Amino acid sequence: VRLLDGKRIQPLKVATFHLKSKSNGSKDPTGYKWEIVRM
């Protein structure tokens, strides 16, 4: 990060997660597999 006085602070760590949704749930009619993976 560049500060207003020209110096830098490091590190800034940012993580992004895109977790499993319930799309294509018809392939798992009992919900068993999908929900275990989600949990």
All heavy atoms as atom14 arrays in JSON, in Angstrom:
{
  "sequence": "VRLLDGKRIQPLKVATFHLKSKSNGSKDPTGYKWEIVRM",
  "atom14_mask": [
    [1, 1, 1, 1, 1, 1, 1, 0, 0, 0, 0, 0, 0, 0],
    [1, 1, 1, 1, 1, 1, 1, 1, 1, 1, 1, 0, 0, 0],
    [1, 1, 1, 1, 1, 1, 1, 1, 0, 0, 0, 0, 0, 0],
    [1, 1, 1, 1, 1, 1, 1, 1, 0, 0, 0, 0, 0, 0],
    [1, 1, 1, 1, 1, 1, 1, 1, 0, 0, 0, 0, 0, 0],
    [1, 1, 1, 1, 0, 0, 0, 0, 0, 0, 0, 0, 0, 0],
    [1, 1, 1, 1, 1, 1, 1, 1, 1, 0, 0, 0, 0, 0],
    [1, 1, 1, 1, 1, 1, 1, 1, 1, 1, 1, 0, 0, 0],
    [1, 1, 1, 1, 1, 1, 1, 1, 0, 0, 0, 0, 0, 0],
    [1, 1, 1, 1, 1, 1, 1, 1, 1, 0, 0, 0, 0, 0],
    [1, 1, 1, 1, 1, 1, 1, 0, 0, 0, 0, 0, 0, 0],
    [1, 1, 1, 1, 1, 1, 1, 1, 0, 0, 0, 0, 0, 0],
    [1, 1, 1, 1, 1, 1, 1, 1, 1, 0, 0, 0, 0, 0],
    [1, 1, 1, 1, 1, 1, 1, 0, 0, 0, 0, 0, 0, 0],
    [1, 1, 1, 1, 1, 0, 0, 0, 0, 0, 0, 0, 0, 0],
    [1, 1, 1, 1, 1, 1, 1, 0, 0, 0, 0, 0, 0, 0],
    [1, 1, 1, 1, 1, 1, 1, 1, 1, 1, 1, 0, 0, 0],
    [1, 1, 1, 1, 1, 1, 1, 1, 1, 1, 0, 0, 0, 0],
    [1, 1, 1, 1, 1, 1, 1, 1, 0, 0, 0, 0, 0, 0],
    [1, 1, 1, 1, 1, 1, 1, 1, 1, 0, 0, 0, 0, 0],
    [1, 1, 1, 1, 1, 1, 0, 0, 0, 0, 0, 0, 0, 0],
    [1, 1, 1, 1, 1, 1, 1, 1, 1, 0, 0, 0, 0, 0],
    [1, 1, 1, 1, 1, 1, 0, 0, 0, 0, 0, 0, 0, 0],
    [1, 1, 1, 1, 1, 1, 1, 1, 0, 0, 0, 0, 0, 0],
    [1, 1, 1, 1, 0, 0, 0, 0, 0, 0, 0, 0, 0, 0],
    [1, 1, 1, 1, 1, 1, 0, 0, 0, 0, 0, 0, 0, 0],
    [1, 1, 1, 1, 1, 1, 1, 1, 1, 0, 0, 0, 0, 0],
    [1, 1, 1, 1, 1, 1, 1, 1, 0, 0, 0, 0, 0, 0],
    [1, 1, 1, 1, 1, 1, 1, 0, 0, 0, 0, 0, 0, 0],
    [1, 1, 1, 1, 1, 1, 1, 0, 0, 0, 0, 0, 0, 0],
    [1, 1, 1, 1, 0, 0, 0, 0, 0, 0, 0, 0, 0, 0],
    [1, 1, 1, 1, 1, 1, 1, 1, 1, 1, 1, 1, 0, 0],
    [1, 1, 1, 1, 1, 1, 1, 1, 1, 0, 0, 0, 0, 0],
    [1, 1, 1, 1, 1, 1, 1, 1, 1, 1, 1, 1, 1, 1],
    [1, 1, 1, 1, 1, 1, 1, 1, 1, 0, 0, 0, 0, 0],
    [1, 1, 1, 1, 1, 1, 1, 1, 0, 0, 0, 0, 0, 0],
    [1, 1, 1, 1, 1, 1, 1, 0, 0, 0, 0, 0, 0, 0],
    [1, 1, 1, 1, 1, 1, 1, 1, 1, 1, 1, 0, 0, 0],
    [1, 1, 1, 1, 1, 1, 1, 1, 0, 0, 0, 0, 0, 0]
  ],
  "atom14_positions": [
    [[0.84, -1.2, 0.0], [0.0, 0.0, 0.0], [0.87, 1.25, 0.0], [1.78, 1.38, 0.82], [-0.92, 0.02, 1.25], [-1.79, 1.28, 1.24], [-1.78, -1.23, 1.29], [0.0, 0.0, 0.0], [0.0, 0.0, 0.0], [0.0, 0.0, 0.0], [0.0, 0.0, 0.0], [0.0, 0.0, 0.0], [0.0, 0.0, 0.0], [0.0, 0.0, 0.0]],
    [[0.59, 2.17, -0.94], [1.32, 3.44, -1.0], [0.64, 4.46, -0.11], [-0.52, 4.81, -0.3], [1.38, 3.95, -2.44], [2.16, 5.26, -2.57], [2.16, 5.77, -4.0], [2.92, 4.9, -4.88], [2.38, 4.13, -5.82], [1.07, 4.12, -5.98], [3.13, 3.39, -6.59], [0.0, 0.0, 0.0], [0.0, 0.0, 0.0], [0.0, 0.0, 0.0]],
    [[1.34, 4.97, 0.91], [0.8, 5.96, 1.83], [0.93, 7.37, 1.24], [1.66, 7.6, 0.28], [1.53, 5.89, 3.17], [1.48, 4.53, 3.89], [2.24, 4.63, 5.21], [0.06, 4.09, 4.12], [0.0, 0.0, 0.0], [0.0, 0.0, 0.0], [0.0, 0.0, 0.0], [0.0, 0.0, 0.0], [0.0, 0.0, 0.0], [0.0, 0.0, 0.0]],
    [[0.2, 8.32, 1.83], [0.21, 9.68, 1.33], [1.58, 10.34, 1.46], [1.91, 11.26, 0.7], [-0.84, 10.52, 2.08], [-2.3, 10.17, 1.77], [-3.23, 11.01, 2.64], [-2.62, 10.4, 0.29], [0.0, 0.0, 0.0], [0.0, 0.0, 0.0], [0.0, 0.0, 0.0], [0.0, 0.0, 0.0], [0.0, 0.0, 0.0], [0.0, 0.0, 0.0]],
    [[2.41, 9.89, 2.42], [3.74, 10.48, 2.58], [4.78, 9.79, 1.69], [5.97, 10.06, 1.8], [4.18, 10.43, 4.04], [4.26, 9.02, 4.59], [4.05, 8.06, 3.82], [4.53, 8.85, 5.8], [0.0, 0.0, 0.0], [0.0, 0.0, 0.0], [0.0, 0.0, 0.0], [0.0, 0.0, 0.0], [0.0, 0.0, 0.0], [0.0, 0.0, 0.0]],
    [[4.32, 8.89, 0.81], [5.23, 8.23, -0.13], [5.77, 6.91, 0.35], [6.34, 6.15, -0.44], [0.0, 0.0, 0.0], [0.0, 0.0, 0.0], [0.0, 0.0, 0.0], [0.0, 0.0, 0.0], [0.0, 0.0, 0.0], [0.0, 0.0, 0.0], [0.0, 0.0, 0.0], [0.0, 0.0, 0.0], [0.0, 0.0, 0.0], [0.0, 0.0, 0.0]],
    [[5.62, 6.61, 1.64], [6.12, 5.35, 2.17], [5.12, 4.23, 1.86], [4.02, 4.47, 1.41], [6.34, 5.45, 3.67], [7.43, 6.44, 4.06], [7.63, 6.46, 5.56], [8.74, 7.44, 5.95], [8.92, 7.5, 7.42], [0.0, 0.0, 0.0], [0.0, 0.0, 0.0], [0.0, 0.0, 0.0], [0.0, 0.0, 0.0], [0.0, 0.0, 0.0]],
    [[5.54, 3.0, 2.12], [4.68, 1.85, 1.84], [4.54, 0.98, 3.09], [5.47, 0.85, 3.87], [5.24, 1.0, 0.7], [5.14, 1.66, -0.66], [5.62, 0.74, -1.76], [5.45, 1.34, -3.08], [4.34, 1.26, -3.78], [3.3, 0.61, -3.3], [4.24, 1.83, -4.96], [0.0, 0.0, 0.0], [0.0, 0.0, 0.0], [0.0, 0.0, 0.0]],
    [[3.35, 0.42, 3.26], [3.12, -0.6, 4.29], [2.89, -1.91, 3.56], [2.1, -1.99, 2.63], [1.9, -0.26, 5.15], [2.22, 0.91, 6.08], [1.47, -1.46, 5.99], [1.1, 1.3, 7.0], [0.0, 0.0, 0.0], [0.0, 0.0, 0.0], [0.0, 0.0, 0.0], [0.0, 0.0, 0.0], [0.0, 0.0, 0.0], [0.0, 0.0, 0.0]],
    [[3.59, -2.93, 4.0], [3.39, -4.23, 3.37], [3.61, -5.32, 4.41], [4.34, -5.12, 5.38], [4.33, -4.4, 2.18], [5.79, -4.26, 2.51], [6.66, -4.41, 1.27], [6.24, -4.81, 0.21], [7.92, -4.08, 1.42], [0.0, 0.0, 0.0], [0.0, 0.0, 0.0], [0.0, 0.0, 0.0], [0.0, 0.0, 0.0], [0.0, 0.0, 0.0]],
    [[3.0, -6.5, 4.26], [2.07, -6.8, 3.16], [0.62, -6.64, 3.59], [0.3, -6.77, 4.76], [2.37, -8.26, 2.87], [2.72, -8.83, 4.23], [3.39, -7.71, 5.0], [0.0, 0.0, 0.0], [0.0, 0.0, 0.0], [0.0, 0.0, 0.0], [0.0, 0.0, 0.0], [0.0, 0.0, 0.0], [0.0, 0.0, 0.0], [0.0, 0.0, 0.0]],
    [[-0.21, -6.33, 2.65], [-1.66, -6.43, 2.79], [-2.07, -7.7, 2.06], [-1.79, -7.84, 0.87], [-2.35, -5.22, 2.18], [-3.87, -5.31, 1.96], [-4.59, -5.41, 3.29], [-4.37, -4.11, 1.17], [0.0, 0.0, 0.0], [0.0, 0.0, 0.0], [0.0, 0.0, 0.0], [0.0, 0.0, 0.0], [0.0, 0.0, 0.0], [0.0, 0.0, 0.0]],
    [[-2.69, -8.63, 2.75], [-3.1, -9.89, 2.12], [-4.62, -9.92, 1.98], [-5.34, -9.64, 2.92], [-2.63, -11.09, 2.94], [-1.14, -11.34, 2.83], [-0.74, -12.64, 3.51], [0.74, -12.92, 3.32], [1.14, -14.2, 3.96], [0.0, 0.0, 0.0], [0.0, 0.0, 0.0], [0.0, 0.0, 0.0], [0.0, 0.0, 0.0], [0.0, 0.0, 0.0]],
    [[-5.07, -10.24, 0.78], [-6.49, -10.32, 0.48], [-6.77, -11.67, -0.15], [-6.05, -12.1, -1.04], [-6.91, -9.19, -0.49], [-8.42, -9.21, -0.69], [-6.45, -7.84, 0.01], [0.0, 0.0, 0.0], [0.0, 0.0, 0.0], [0.0, 0.0, 0.0], [0.0, 0.0, 0.0], [0.0, 0.0, 0.0], [0.0, 0.0, 0.0], [0.0, 0.0, 0.0]],
    [[-7.81, -12.34, 0.33], [-8.18, -13.65, -0.21], [-9.63, -13.63, -0.66], [-10.48, -13.05, 0.0], [-7.97, -14.74, 0.85], [0.0, 0.0, 0.0], [0.0, 0.0, 0.0], [0.0, 0.0, 0.0], [0.0, 0.0, 0.0], [0.0, 0.0, 0.0], [0.0, 0.0, 0.0], [0.0, 0.0, 0.0], [0.0, 0.0, 0.0], [0.0, 0.0, 0.0]],
    [[-9.9, -14.23, -1.8], [-11.27, -14.35, -2.27], [-11.65, -15.81, -2.43], [-10.89, -16.6, -3.0], [-11.49, -13.59, -3.6], [-12.85, -13.75, -4.01], [-10.57, -14.06, -4.7], [0.0, 0.0, 0.0], [0.0, 0.0, 0.0], [0.0, 0.0, 0.0], [0.0, 0.0, 0.0], [0.0, 0.0, 0.0], [0.0, 0.0, 0.0], [0.0, 0.0, 0.0]],
    [[-12.81, -16.17, -1.88], [-13.35, -17.53, -1.97], [-14.69, -17.49, -2.7], [-15.52, -16.64, -2.41], [-13.59, -18.12, -0.57], [-12.35, -18.46, 0.2], [-11.58, -17.45, 0.77], [-11.95, -19.76, 0.36], [-10.44, -17.76, 1.49], [-10.81, -20.08, 1.08], [-10.04, -19.08, 1.64], [0.0, 0.0, 0.0], [0.0, 0.0, 0.0], [0.0, 0.0, 0.0]],
    [[-14.88, -18.4, -3.62], [-16.17, -18.55, -4.3], [-16.66, -19.96, -4.0], [-16.28, -20.93, -4.67], [-16.01, -18.32, -5.8], [-17.29, -18.35, -6.56], [-17.36, -18.59, -7.9], [-18.57, -18.17, -6.16], [-18.61, -18.57, -8.31], [-19.37, -18.31, -7.26], [0.0, 0.0, 0.0], [0.0, 0.0, 0.0], [0.0, 0.0, 0.0], [0.0, 0.0, 0.0]],
    [[-17.5, -20.07, -2.99], [-17.89, -21.38, -2.48], [-18.98, -22.04, -3.32], [-19.61, -21.4, -4.16], [-18.34, -21.25, -1.03], [-17.32, -20.62, -0.07], [-17.86, -20.63, 1.34], [-15.98, -21.34, -0.14], [0.0, 0.0, 0.0], [0.0, 0.0, 0.0], [0.0, 0.0, 0.0], [0.0, 0.0, 0.0], [0.0, 0.0, 0.0], [0.0, 0.0, 0.0]],
    [[-19.2, -23.32, -3.07], [-20.17, -24.1, -3.83], [-21.58, -23.58, -3.61], [-22.01, -23.35, -2.49], [-20.11, -25.58, -3.4], [-21.04, -26.5, -4.17], [-20.58, -26.72, -5.57], [-21.6, -27.52, -6.38], [-22.77, -26.74, -6.78], [0.0, 0.0, 0.0], [0.0, 0.0, 0.0], [0.0, 0.0, 0.0], [0.0, 0.0, 0.0], [0.0, 0.0, 0.0]],
    [[-22.31, -23.39, -4.71], [-23.7, -22.98, -4.63], [-24.59, -24.21, -4.79], [-24.12, -25.33, -4.91], [-24.02, -21.95, -5.71], [-24.01, -22.6, -6.99], [0.0, 0.0, 0.0], [0.0, 0.0, 0.0], [0.0, 0.0, 0.0], [0.0, 0.0, 0.0], [0.0, 0.0, 0.0], [0.0, 0.0, 0.0], [0.0, 0.0, 0.0], [0.0, 0.0, 0.0]],
    [[-25.9, -23.98, -4.84], [-26.85, -25.08, -5.03], [-27.26, -25.25, -6.49], [-28.23, -25.93, -6.79], [-28.09, -24.85, -4.16], [-27.83, -25.05, -2.68], [-29.12, -25.02, -1.88], [-28.86, -25.32, -0.42], [-30.11, -25.34, 0.38], [0.0, 0.0, 0.0], [0.0, 0.0, 0.0], [0.0, 0.0, 0.0], [0.0, 0.0, 0.0], [0.0, 0.0, 0.0]],
    [[-26.51, -24.63, -7.4], [-26.83, -24.82, -8.81], [-26.56, -26.27, -9.21], [-25.7, -26.94, -8.62], [-25.97, -23.88, -9.68], [-24.61, -24.18, -9.53], [0.0, 0.0, 0.0], [0.0, 0.0, 0.0], [0.0, 0.0, 0.0], [0.0, 0.0, 0.0], [0.0, 0.0, 0.0], [0.0, 0.0, 0.0], [0.0, 0.0, 0.0], [0.0, 0.0, 0.0]],
    [[-27.29, -26.75, -10.18], [-27.22, -28.15, -10.61], [-27.6, -29.11, -9.51], [-27.16, -30.26, -9.48], [-25.81, -28.49, -11.14], [-25.48, -27.75, -12.41], [-26.34, -27.57, -13.27], [-24.24, -27.31, -12.53], [0.0, 0.0, 0.0], [0.0, 0.0, 0.0], [0.0, 0.0, 0.0], [0.0, 0.0, 0.0], [0.0, 0.0, 0.0], [0.0, 0.0, 0.0]],
    [[-28.41, -28.64, -8.58], [-28.84, -29.5, -7.48], [-29.65, -30.69, -7.92], [-29.76, -31.69, -7.19], [0.0, 0.0, 0.0], [0.0, 0.0, 0.0], [0.0, 0.0, 0.0], [0.0, 0.0, 0.0], [0.0, 0.0, 0.0], [0.0, 0.0, 0.0], [0.0, 0.0, 0.0], [0.0, 0.0, 0.0], [0.0, 0.0, 0.0], [0.0, 0.0, 0.0]],
    [[-30.21, -30.64, -9.13], [-31.0, -31.77, -9.63], [-30.14, -33.01, -9.82], [-30.67, -34.13, -9.85], [-31.66, -31.39, -10.96], [-30.68, -31.05, -11.93], [0.0, 0.0, 0.0], [0.0, 0.0, 0.0], [0.0, 0.0, 0.0], [0.0, 0.0, 0.0], [0.0, 0.0, 0.0], [0.0, 0.0, 0.0], [0.0, 0.0, 0.0], [0.0, 0.0, 0.0]],
    [[-28.82, -32.82, -9.94], [-27.93, -33.96, -10.08], [-27.72, -34.69, -8.76], [-27.14, -35.77, -8.73], [-26.58, -33.49, -10.64], [-26.67, -32.9, -12.04], [-25.3, -32.44, -12.52], [-25.38, -31.82, -13.91], [-24.05, -31.34, -14.37], [0.0, 0.0, 0.0], [0.0, 0.0, 0.0], [0.0, 0.0, 0.0], [0.0, 0.0, 0.0], [0.0, 0.0, 0.0]],
    [[-28.18, -34.1, -7.69], [-28.06, -34.7, -6.37], [-29.41, -34.57, -5.66], [-29.56, -33.76, -4.75], [-26.95, -33.99, -5.58], [-26.73, -34.58, -4.2], [-26.89, -35.8, -4.03], [-26.41, -33.81, -3.28], [0.0, 0.0, 0.0], [0.0, 0.0, 0.0], [0.0, 0.0, 0.0], [0.0, 0.0, 0.0], [0.0, 0.0, 0.0], [0.0, 0.0, 0.0]],
    [[-30.42, -35.35, -6.08], [-31.8, -35.15, -5.59], [-31.95, -35.29, -4.08], [-32.82, -34.67, -3.49], [-32.59, -36.23, -6.34], [-31.57, -37.22, -6.79], [-30.32, -36.45, -7.04], [0.0, 0.0, 0.0], [0.0, 0.0, 0.0], [0.0, 0.0, 0.0], [0.0, 0.0, 0.0], [0.0, 0.0, 0.0], [0.0, 0.0, 0.0], [0.0, 0.0, 0.0]],
    [[-31.11, -36.08, -3.43], [-31.22, -36.24, -1.98], [-30.61, -35.05, -1.24], [-30.9, -34.82, -0.06], [-30.51, -37.52, -1.51], [-29.1, -37.39, -1.75], [-31.06, -38.74, -2.24], [0.0, 0.0, 0.0], [0.0, 0.0, 0.0], [0.0, 0.0, 0.0], [0.0, 0.0, 0.0], [0.0, 0.0, 0.0], [0.0, 0.0, 0.0], [0.0, 0.0, 0.0]],
    [[-29.75, -34.29, -1.94], [-29.07, -33.19, -1.28], [-27.91, -33.63, -0.42], [-27.22, -32.83, 0.18], [0.0, 0.0, 0.0], [0.0, 0.0, 0.0], [0.0, 0.0, 0.0], [0.0, 0.0, 0.0], [0.0, 0.0, 0.0], [0.0, 0.0, 0.0], [0.0, 0.0, 0.0], [0.0, 0.0, 0.0], [0.0, 0.0, 0.0], [0.0, 0.0, 0.0]],
    [[-27.66, -34.93, -0.4], [-26.65, -35.49, 0.5], [-25.24, -35.04, 0.1], [-24.5, -34.46, 0.89], [-26.74, -37.01, 0.51], [-25.71, -37.7, 1.39], [-25.83, -37.69, 2.77], [-24.61, -38.34, 0.82], [-24.88, -38.31, 3.57], [-23.66, -38.96, 1.61], [-23.8, -38.94, 2.97], [-22.86, -39.55, 3.75], [0.0, 0.0, 0.0], [0.0, 0.0, 0.0]],
    [[-24.87, -35.3, -1.16], [-23.51, -34.98, -1.6], [-23.28, -33.47, -1.59], [-22.27, -32.98, -1.09], [-23.27, -35.54, -3.0], [-21.89, -35.18, -3.56], [-21.73, -35.7, -4.97], [-20.39, -35.26, -5.54], [-20.21, -35.72, -6.95], [0.0, 0.0, 0.0], [0.0, 0.0, 0.0], [0.0, 0.0, 0.0], [0.0, 0.0, 0.0], [0.0, 0.0, 0.0]],
    [[-24.24, -32.73, -2.16], [-24.08, -31.28, -2.28], [-23.89, -30.63, -0.91], [-23.01, -29.8, -0.71], [-25.29, -30.68, -2.99], [-25.02, -30.19, -4.39], [-25.23, -28.92, -4.85], [-24.53, -30.93, -5.5], [-24.9, -28.84, -6.19], [-24.46, -30.06, -6.61], [-24.14, -32.25, -5.68], [-24.01, -30.46, -7.87], [-23.69, -32.66, -6.93], [-23.64, -31.78, -7.99]],
    [[-24.73, -31.01, 0.05], [-24.68, -30.36, 1.35], [-23.43, -30.72, 2.12], [-22.88, -29.9, 2.86], [-25.93, -30.71, 2.17], [-27.19, -30.01, 1.68], [-26.99, -28.51, 1.59], [-26.53, -27.9, 2.56], [-27.28, -27.94, 0.52], [0.0, 0.0, 0.0], [0.0, 0.0, 0.0], [0.0, 0.0, 0.0], [0.0, 0.0, 0.0], [0.0, 0.0, 0.0]],
    [[-22.94, -31.94, 1.97], [-21.69, -32.31, 2.64], [-20.54, -31.46, 2.09], [-19.72, -30.93, 2.84], [-21.4, -33.82, 2.47], [-22.33, -34.63, 3.37], [-19.94, -34.13, 2.82], [-22.12, -36.11, 3.3], [0.0, 0.0, 0.0], [0.0, 0.0, 0.0], [0.0, 0.0, 0.0], [0.0, 0.0, 0.0], [0.0, 0.0, 0.0], [0.0, 0.0, 0.0]],
    [[-20.47, -31.34, 0.77], [-19.42, -30.53, 0.16], [-19.54, -29.09, 0.63], [-18.55, -28.42, 0.94], [-19.49, -30.62, -1.37], [-18.52, -29.61, -2.01], [-19.17, -32.03, -1.83], [0.0, 0.0, 0.0], [0.0, 0.0, 0.0], [0.0, 0.0, 0.0], [0.0, 0.0, 0.0], [0.0, 0.0, 0.0], [0.0, 0.0, 0.0], [0.0, 0.0, 0.0]],
    [[-20.76, -28.55, 0.68], [-20.96, -27.16, 1.11], [-20.54, -26.97, 2.57], [-19.91, -25.98, 2.94], [-22.43, -26.77, 0.93], [-22.79, -26.43, -0.5], [-24.28, -26.45, -0.71], [-25.0, -25.58, 0.19], [-25.16, -24.26, 0.01], [-24.61, -23.68, -1.03], [-25.82, -23.54, 0.86], [0.0, 0.0, 0.0], [0.0, 0.0, 0.0], [0.0, 0.0, 0.0]],
    [[-20.88, -27.94, 3.44], [-20.52, -27.81, 4.85], [-19.01, -27.95, 5.06], [-18.42, -27.29, 5.91], [-21.26, -28.87, 5.67], [-22.74, -28.57, 5.87], [-23.53, -29.7, 7.03], [-23.54, -31.22, 6.07], [0.0, 0.0, 0.0], [0.0, 0.0, 0.0], [0.0, 0.0, 0.0], [0.0, 0.0, 0.0], [0.0, 0.0, 0.0], [0.0, 0.0, 0.0]]
  ]
}
